[in-house]
Amino acid sequence: VFSSILVIVSFFPFILLFNSGSSFLLIDWNVINFGSYQFKSEILLDKIGLIFSLAVLLISLSVMMFTISYMRGEKYISYFVIIVIAFVFSMNLLIYFPNLIRLLLG
């Protein structure tokens, strides 16, 4: 269910990028402010990155659909779902962050 929601939500930046007429969209996000210290993060949305993200989300959707039938009645299915969601999140971090240090942390 969560992966299907992510697939649907991933179409929003895809449509936004194609309607803007530019080849990429750079979002500067101010994450934390501590006095004079600012932790900023950039998110780079381009057409190739969005296609890769859509592929990751579609593959994770198929894994989750298979999980429903294959792991029915398993004791630790919730842990598996959490691990898959964390993996999908980290893969999207790798796709969208243009900074090398954040890329290595993802």
N, C-alpha and C. Protein backbone atom coordinates (compact mmCIF):
# COMPACT_ATOMS: atom_id res chain seq x y z
N VAL A 1 0.84 -1.19 0.00
CA VAL A 1 0.00 0.00 0.00
C VAL A 1 0.88 1.25 0.00
N PHE A 2 1.93 1.24 0.84
CA PHE A 2 2.81 2.41 0.93
C PHE A 2 3.55 2.65 -0.38
N SER A 3 3.99 1.58 -1.03
CA SER A 3 4.71 1.73 -2.30
C SER A 3 3.81 2.26 -3.40
N SER A 4 2.55 1.84 -3.41
CA SER A 4 1.64 2.36 -4.43
C SER A 4 1.38 3.85 -4.21
N ILE A 5 1.33 4.28 -2.95
CA ILE A 5 1.18 5.71 -2.66
C ILE A 5 2.41 6.47 -3.13
N LEU A 6 3.61 5.89 -2.91
CA LEU A 6 4.83 6.55 -3.37
C LEU A 6 4.89 6.66 -4.88
N VAL A 7 4.41 5.64 -5.59
CA VAL A 7 4.39 5.69 -7.05
C VAL A 7 3.48 6.81 -7.53
N ILE A 8 2.32 6.94 -6.90
CA ILE A 8 1.38 7.99 -7.29
C ILE A 8 1.96 9.37 -6.97
N VAL A 9 2.58 9.51 -5.80
CA VAL A 9 3.16 10.80 -5.41
C VAL A 9 4.35 11.15 -6.29
N SER A 10 5.06 10.16 -6.81
CA SER A 10 6.23 10.44 -7.64
C SER A 10 5.86 11.05 -8.98
N PHE A 11 4.61 10.91 -9.40
CA PHE A 11 4.20 11.52 -10.65
C PHE A 11 4.07 13.04 -10.54
N PHE A 12 3.86 13.57 -9.34
CA PHE A 12 3.71 15.02 -9.18
C PHE A 12 4.96 15.79 -9.60
N PRO A 13 6.18 15.46 -9.09
CA PRO A 13 7.34 16.20 -9.58
C PRO A 13 7.63 15.94 -11.05
N PHE A 14 7.27 14.77 -11.54
CA PHE A 14 7.48 14.45 -12.94
C PHE A 14 6.64 15.37 -13.82
N ILE A 15 5.39 15.55 -13.45
CA ILE A 15 4.50 16.44 -14.20
C ILE A 15 4.95 17.89 -14.03
N LEU A 16 5.37 18.26 -12.83
CA LEU A 16 5.84 19.62 -12.57
C LEU A 16 7.06 19.95 -13.42
N LEU A 17 7.97 19.02 -13.54
CA LEU A 17 9.19 19.25 -14.32
C LEU A 17 8.89 19.35 -15.81
N PHE A 18 8.03 18.48 -16.32
CA PHE A 18 7.73 18.52 -17.75
C PHE A 18 6.92 19.75 -18.13
N ASN A 19 6.10 20.26 -17.22
CA ASN A 19 5.31 21.45 -17.52
C ASN A 19 6.10 22.74 -17.37
N SER A 20 7.23 22.70 -16.67
CA SER A 20 8.00 23.93 -16.45
C SER A 20 8.82 24.31 -17.68
N GLY A 21 9.10 23.38 -18.56
CA GLY A 21 9.86 23.68 -19.77
C GLY A 21 11.36 23.64 -19.57
N SER A 22 11.85 23.42 -18.36
CA SER A 22 13.28 23.34 -18.13
C SER A 22 13.72 21.89 -18.07
N SER A 23 15.03 21.69 -18.12
CA SER A 23 15.54 20.32 -18.11
C SER A 23 15.78 19.80 -16.70
N PHE A 24 15.83 20.69 -15.71
CA PHE A 24 15.98 20.25 -14.32
C PHE A 24 15.36 21.27 -13.38
N LEU A 25 15.15 20.83 -12.15
CA LEU A 25 14.59 21.69 -11.12
C LEU A 25 15.43 21.48 -9.87
N LEU A 26 16.05 22.55 -9.37
CA LEU A 26 16.89 22.49 -8.18
C LEU A 26 16.14 23.13 -7.02
N ILE A 27 15.89 22.32 -5.99
CA ILE A 27 15.17 22.80 -4.81
C ILE A 27 16.17 22.95 -3.68
N ASP A 28 16.30 24.15 -3.15
CA ASP A 28 17.18 24.41 -2.01
C ASP A 28 16.34 24.38 -0.75
N TRP A 29 16.65 23.45 0.14
CA TRP A 29 15.82 23.19 1.30
C TRP A 29 16.62 23.50 2.56
N ASN A 30 16.14 24.44 3.36
CA ASN A 30 16.78 24.80 4.62
C ASN A 30 16.24 23.87 5.70
N VAL A 31 17.03 22.89 6.11
CA VAL A 31 16.57 21.83 7.00
C VAL A 31 16.57 22.29 8.45
N ILE A 32 17.72 22.79 8.95
CA ILE A 32 17.85 23.13 10.36
C ILE A 32 18.51 24.50 10.50
N ASN A 33 18.01 25.31 11.43
CA ASN A 33 18.62 26.58 11.79
C ASN A 33 19.00 26.55 13.26
N PHE A 34 20.29 26.69 13.56
CA PHE A 34 20.78 26.82 14.93
C PHE A 34 21.57 28.11 15.02
N GLY A 35 20.91 29.20 15.32
CA GLY A 35 21.59 30.49 15.41
C GLY A 35 22.16 30.88 14.05
N SER A 36 23.48 30.94 13.97
CA SER A 36 24.12 31.31 12.71
C SER A 36 24.40 30.09 11.83
N TYR A 37 24.21 28.90 12.37
CA TYR A 37 24.46 27.68 11.60
C TYR A 37 23.19 27.28 10.84
N GLN A 38 23.34 27.05 9.56
CA GLN A 38 22.23 26.60 8.73
C GLN A 38 22.63 25.32 8.02
N PHE A 39 21.79 24.32 8.12
CA PHE A 39 22.02 23.08 7.39
C PHE A 39 21.07 23.08 6.20
N LYS A 40 21.64 23.24 5.02
CA LYS A 40 20.85 23.29 3.79
C LYS A 40 21.07 22.01 3.00
N SER A 41 20.06 21.64 2.28
CA SER A 41 20.14 20.47 1.43
C SER A 41 19.54 20.82 0.08
N GLU A 42 20.14 20.30 -0.94
CA GLU A 42 19.63 20.52 -2.29
C GLU A 42 19.03 19.22 -2.80
N ILE A 43 17.95 19.37 -3.55
CA ILE A 43 17.32 18.24 -4.21
C ILE A 43 17.28 18.57 -5.69
N LEU A 44 17.85 17.70 -6.50
CA LEU A 44 17.92 17.91 -7.94
C LEU A 44 16.92 17.00 -8.62
N LEU A 45 15.94 17.61 -9.26
CA LEU A 45 14.94 16.85 -10.01
C LEU A 45 15.22 17.05 -11.50
N ASP A 46 15.62 15.98 -12.15
CA ASP A 46 15.77 16.02 -13.59
C ASP A 46 15.01 14.85 -14.19
N LYS A 47 14.91 14.83 -15.49
CA LYS A 47 14.06 13.82 -16.14
C LYS A 47 14.61 12.41 -15.96
N ILE A 48 15.90 12.25 -16.06
CA ILE A 48 16.49 10.92 -15.91
C ILE A 48 16.36 10.44 -14.46
N GLY A 49 16.59 11.33 -13.51
CA GLY A 49 16.43 10.97 -12.10
C GLY A 49 15.01 10.57 -11.76
N LEU A 50 14.05 11.30 -12.32
CA LEU A 50 12.65 10.96 -12.07
C LEU A 50 12.27 9.62 -12.68
N ILE A 51 12.84 9.31 -13.84
CA ILE A 51 12.57 8.01 -14.46
C ILE A 51 13.18 6.90 -13.63
N PHE A 52 14.41 7.10 -13.13
CA PHE A 52 15.04 6.10 -12.26
C PHE A 52 14.24 5.92 -10.96
N SER A 53 13.77 7.02 -10.39
CA SER A 53 12.98 6.94 -9.17
C SER A 53 11.67 6.21 -9.42
N LEU A 54 11.06 6.46 -10.53
CA LEU A 54 9.83 5.76 -10.87
C LEU A 54 10.10 4.26 -11.04
N ALA A 55 11.24 3.91 -11.63
CA ALA A 55 11.59 2.49 -11.78
C ALA A 55 11.80 1.84 -10.41
N VAL A 56 12.49 2.54 -9.50
CA VAL A 56 12.70 2.01 -8.15
C VAL A 56 11.36 1.81 -7.45
N LEU A 57 10.46 2.77 -7.58
CA LEU A 57 9.17 2.67 -6.92
C LEU A 57 8.30 1.57 -7.53
N LEU A 58 8.37 1.37 -8.83
CA LEU A 58 7.60 0.30 -9.45
C LEU A 58 8.13 -1.07 -9.06
N ILE A 59 9.44 -1.21 -8.97
CA ILE A 59 10.03 -2.48 -8.54
C ILE A 59 9.67 -2.76 -7.08
N SER A 60 9.73 -1.73 -6.24
CA SER A 60 9.36 -1.95 -4.83
C SER A 60 7.87 -2.26 -4.70
N LEU A 61 7.05 -1.68 -5.56
CA LEU A 61 5.63 -2.01 -5.56
C LEU A 61 5.42 -3.49 -5.89
N SER A 62 6.15 -3.99 -6.88
CA SER A 62 5.99 -5.40 -7.23
C SER A 62 6.51 -6.30 -6.12
N VAL A 63 7.58 -5.89 -5.43
CA VAL A 63 8.09 -6.67 -4.30
C VAL A 63 7.05 -6.71 -3.18
N MET A 64 6.42 -5.58 -2.90
CA MET A 64 5.40 -5.54 -1.86
C MET A 64 4.17 -6.37 -2.23
N MET A 65 3.80 -6.36 -3.50
CA MET A 65 2.66 -7.17 -3.94
C MET A 65 3.00 -8.66 -3.79
N PHE A 66 4.22 -9.04 -4.12
CA PHE A 66 4.64 -10.42 -3.96
C PHE A 66 4.73 -10.79 -2.48
N THR A 67 5.13 -9.84 -1.66
CA THR A 67 5.26 -10.09 -0.21
C THR A 67 3.90 -10.42 0.41
N ILE A 68 2.86 -9.77 -0.06
CA ILE A 68 1.52 -10.01 0.48
C ILE A 68 1.13 -11.47 0.32
N SER A 69 1.42 -12.04 -0.85
CA SER A 69 1.01 -13.43 -1.07
C SER A 69 2.03 -14.42 -0.52
N TYR A 70 3.31 -14.13 -0.61
CA TYR A 70 4.34 -15.10 -0.25
C TYR A 70 4.57 -15.19 1.26
N MET A 71 4.53 -14.05 1.94
CA MET A 71 4.86 -14.04 3.36
C MET A 71 3.62 -13.94 4.25
N ARG A 72 2.48 -14.34 3.73
CA ARG A 72 1.25 -14.29 4.51
C ARG A 72 1.39 -15.20 5.73
N GLY A 73 1.12 -14.65 6.90
CA GLY A 73 1.19 -15.42 8.13
C GLY A 73 2.56 -15.46 8.77
N GLU A 74 3.55 -14.82 8.17
CA GLU A 74 4.89 -14.80 8.77
C GLU A 74 4.91 -13.90 9.99
N LYS A 75 5.78 -14.23 10.91
CA LYS A 75 5.85 -13.49 12.16
C LYS A 75 6.50 -12.12 11.99
N TYR A 76 7.51 -12.02 11.13
CA TYR A 76 8.29 -10.79 11.01
C TYR A 76 8.05 -10.07 9.68
N ILE A 77 6.85 -10.11 9.16
CA ILE A 77 6.56 -9.44 7.89
C ILE A 77 6.65 -7.93 8.04
N SER A 78 6.30 -7.40 9.19
CA SER A 78 6.36 -5.94 9.39
C SER A 78 7.81 -5.45 9.35
N TYR A 79 8.74 -6.23 9.87
CA TYR A 79 10.15 -5.85 9.80
C TYR A 79 10.65 -5.84 8.36
N PHE A 80 10.21 -6.82 7.59
CA PHE A 80 10.60 -6.87 6.19
C PHE A 80 10.07 -5.65 5.44
N VAL A 81 8.84 -5.28 5.70
CA VAL A 81 8.25 -4.12 5.03
C VAL A 81 9.01 -2.85 5.41
N ILE A 82 9.38 -2.71 6.67
CA ILE A 82 10.15 -1.53 7.11
C ILE A 82 11.52 -1.49 6.43
N ILE A 83 12.16 -2.63 6.30
CA ILE A 83 13.47 -2.68 5.64
C ILE A 83 13.35 -2.32 4.16
N VAL A 84 12.32 -2.80 3.50
CA VAL A 84 12.13 -2.47 2.08
C VAL A 84 11.84 -0.99 1.91
N ILE A 85 11.03 -0.41 2.78
CA ILE A 85 10.73 1.03 2.70
C ILE A 85 11.99 1.85 2.95
N ALA A 86 12.81 1.44 3.92
CA ALA A 86 14.07 2.15 4.17
C ALA A 86 15.00 2.05 2.98
N PHE A 87 15.04 0.89 2.33
CA PHE A 87 15.87 0.72 1.14
C PHE A 87 15.39 1.62 0.00
N VAL A 88 14.09 1.67 -0.21
CA VAL A 88 13.54 2.52 -1.27
C VAL A 88 13.83 3.99 -0.98
N PHE A 89 13.70 4.39 0.28
CA PHE A 89 14.00 5.76 0.66
C PHE A 89 15.47 6.10 0.41
N SER A 90 16.37 5.18 0.77
CA SER A 90 17.80 5.44 0.55
C SER A 90 18.15 5.46 -0.93
N MET A 91 17.49 4.63 -1.73
CA MET A 91 17.73 4.66 -3.17
C MET A 91 17.28 5.99 -3.77
N ASN A 92 16.15 6.52 -3.30
CA ASN A 92 15.71 7.82 -3.79
C ASN A 92 16.62 8.94 -3.32
N LEU A 93 17.21 8.81 -2.14
CA LEU A 93 18.20 9.79 -1.71
C LEU A 93 19.40 9.78 -2.65
N LEU A 94 19.83 8.60 -3.03
CA LEU A 94 20.95 8.49 -3.96
C LEU A 94 20.63 9.14 -5.31
N ILE A 95 19.40 9.05 -5.72
CA ILE A 95 19.02 9.60 -7.02
C ILE A 95 18.91 11.12 -6.97
N TYR A 96 18.32 11.67 -5.91
CA TYR A 96 17.95 13.09 -5.91
C TYR A 96 18.99 14.03 -5.32
N PHE A 97 19.92 13.57 -4.49
CA PHE A 97 20.87 14.49 -3.87
C PHE A 97 22.10 14.66 -4.75
N PRO A 98 22.39 15.91 -5.18
CA PRO A 98 23.54 16.13 -6.05
C PRO A 98 24.86 16.25 -5.28
N ASN A 99 24.82 16.40 -3.97
CA ASN A 99 26.02 16.58 -3.17
C ASN A 99 26.66 15.22 -2.90
N LEU A 100 27.97 15.11 -3.07
CA LEU A 100 28.66 13.84 -2.93
C LEU A 100 28.64 13.32 -1.50
N ILE A 101 28.77 14.20 -0.52
CA ILE A 101 28.79 13.75 0.89
C ILE A 101 27.41 13.22 1.27
N ARG A 102 26.35 13.89 0.87
CA ARG A 102 25.02 13.38 1.16
C ARG A 102 24.73 12.12 0.35
N LEU A 103 25.35 12.02 -0.81
CA LEU A 103 25.21 10.82 -1.60
C LEU A 103 25.82 9.63 -0.89
N LEU A 104 26.97 9.83 -0.26
CA LEU A 104 27.62 8.76 0.47
C LEU A 104 26.87 8.43 1.76
N LEU A 105 26.23 9.41 2.38
CA LEU A 105 25.43 9.16 3.58
C LEU A 105 24.14 8.44 3.26
N GLY A 106 23.60 8.62 2.05
CA GLY A 106 22.35 7.99 1.66
C GLY A 106 22.54 6.53 1.48
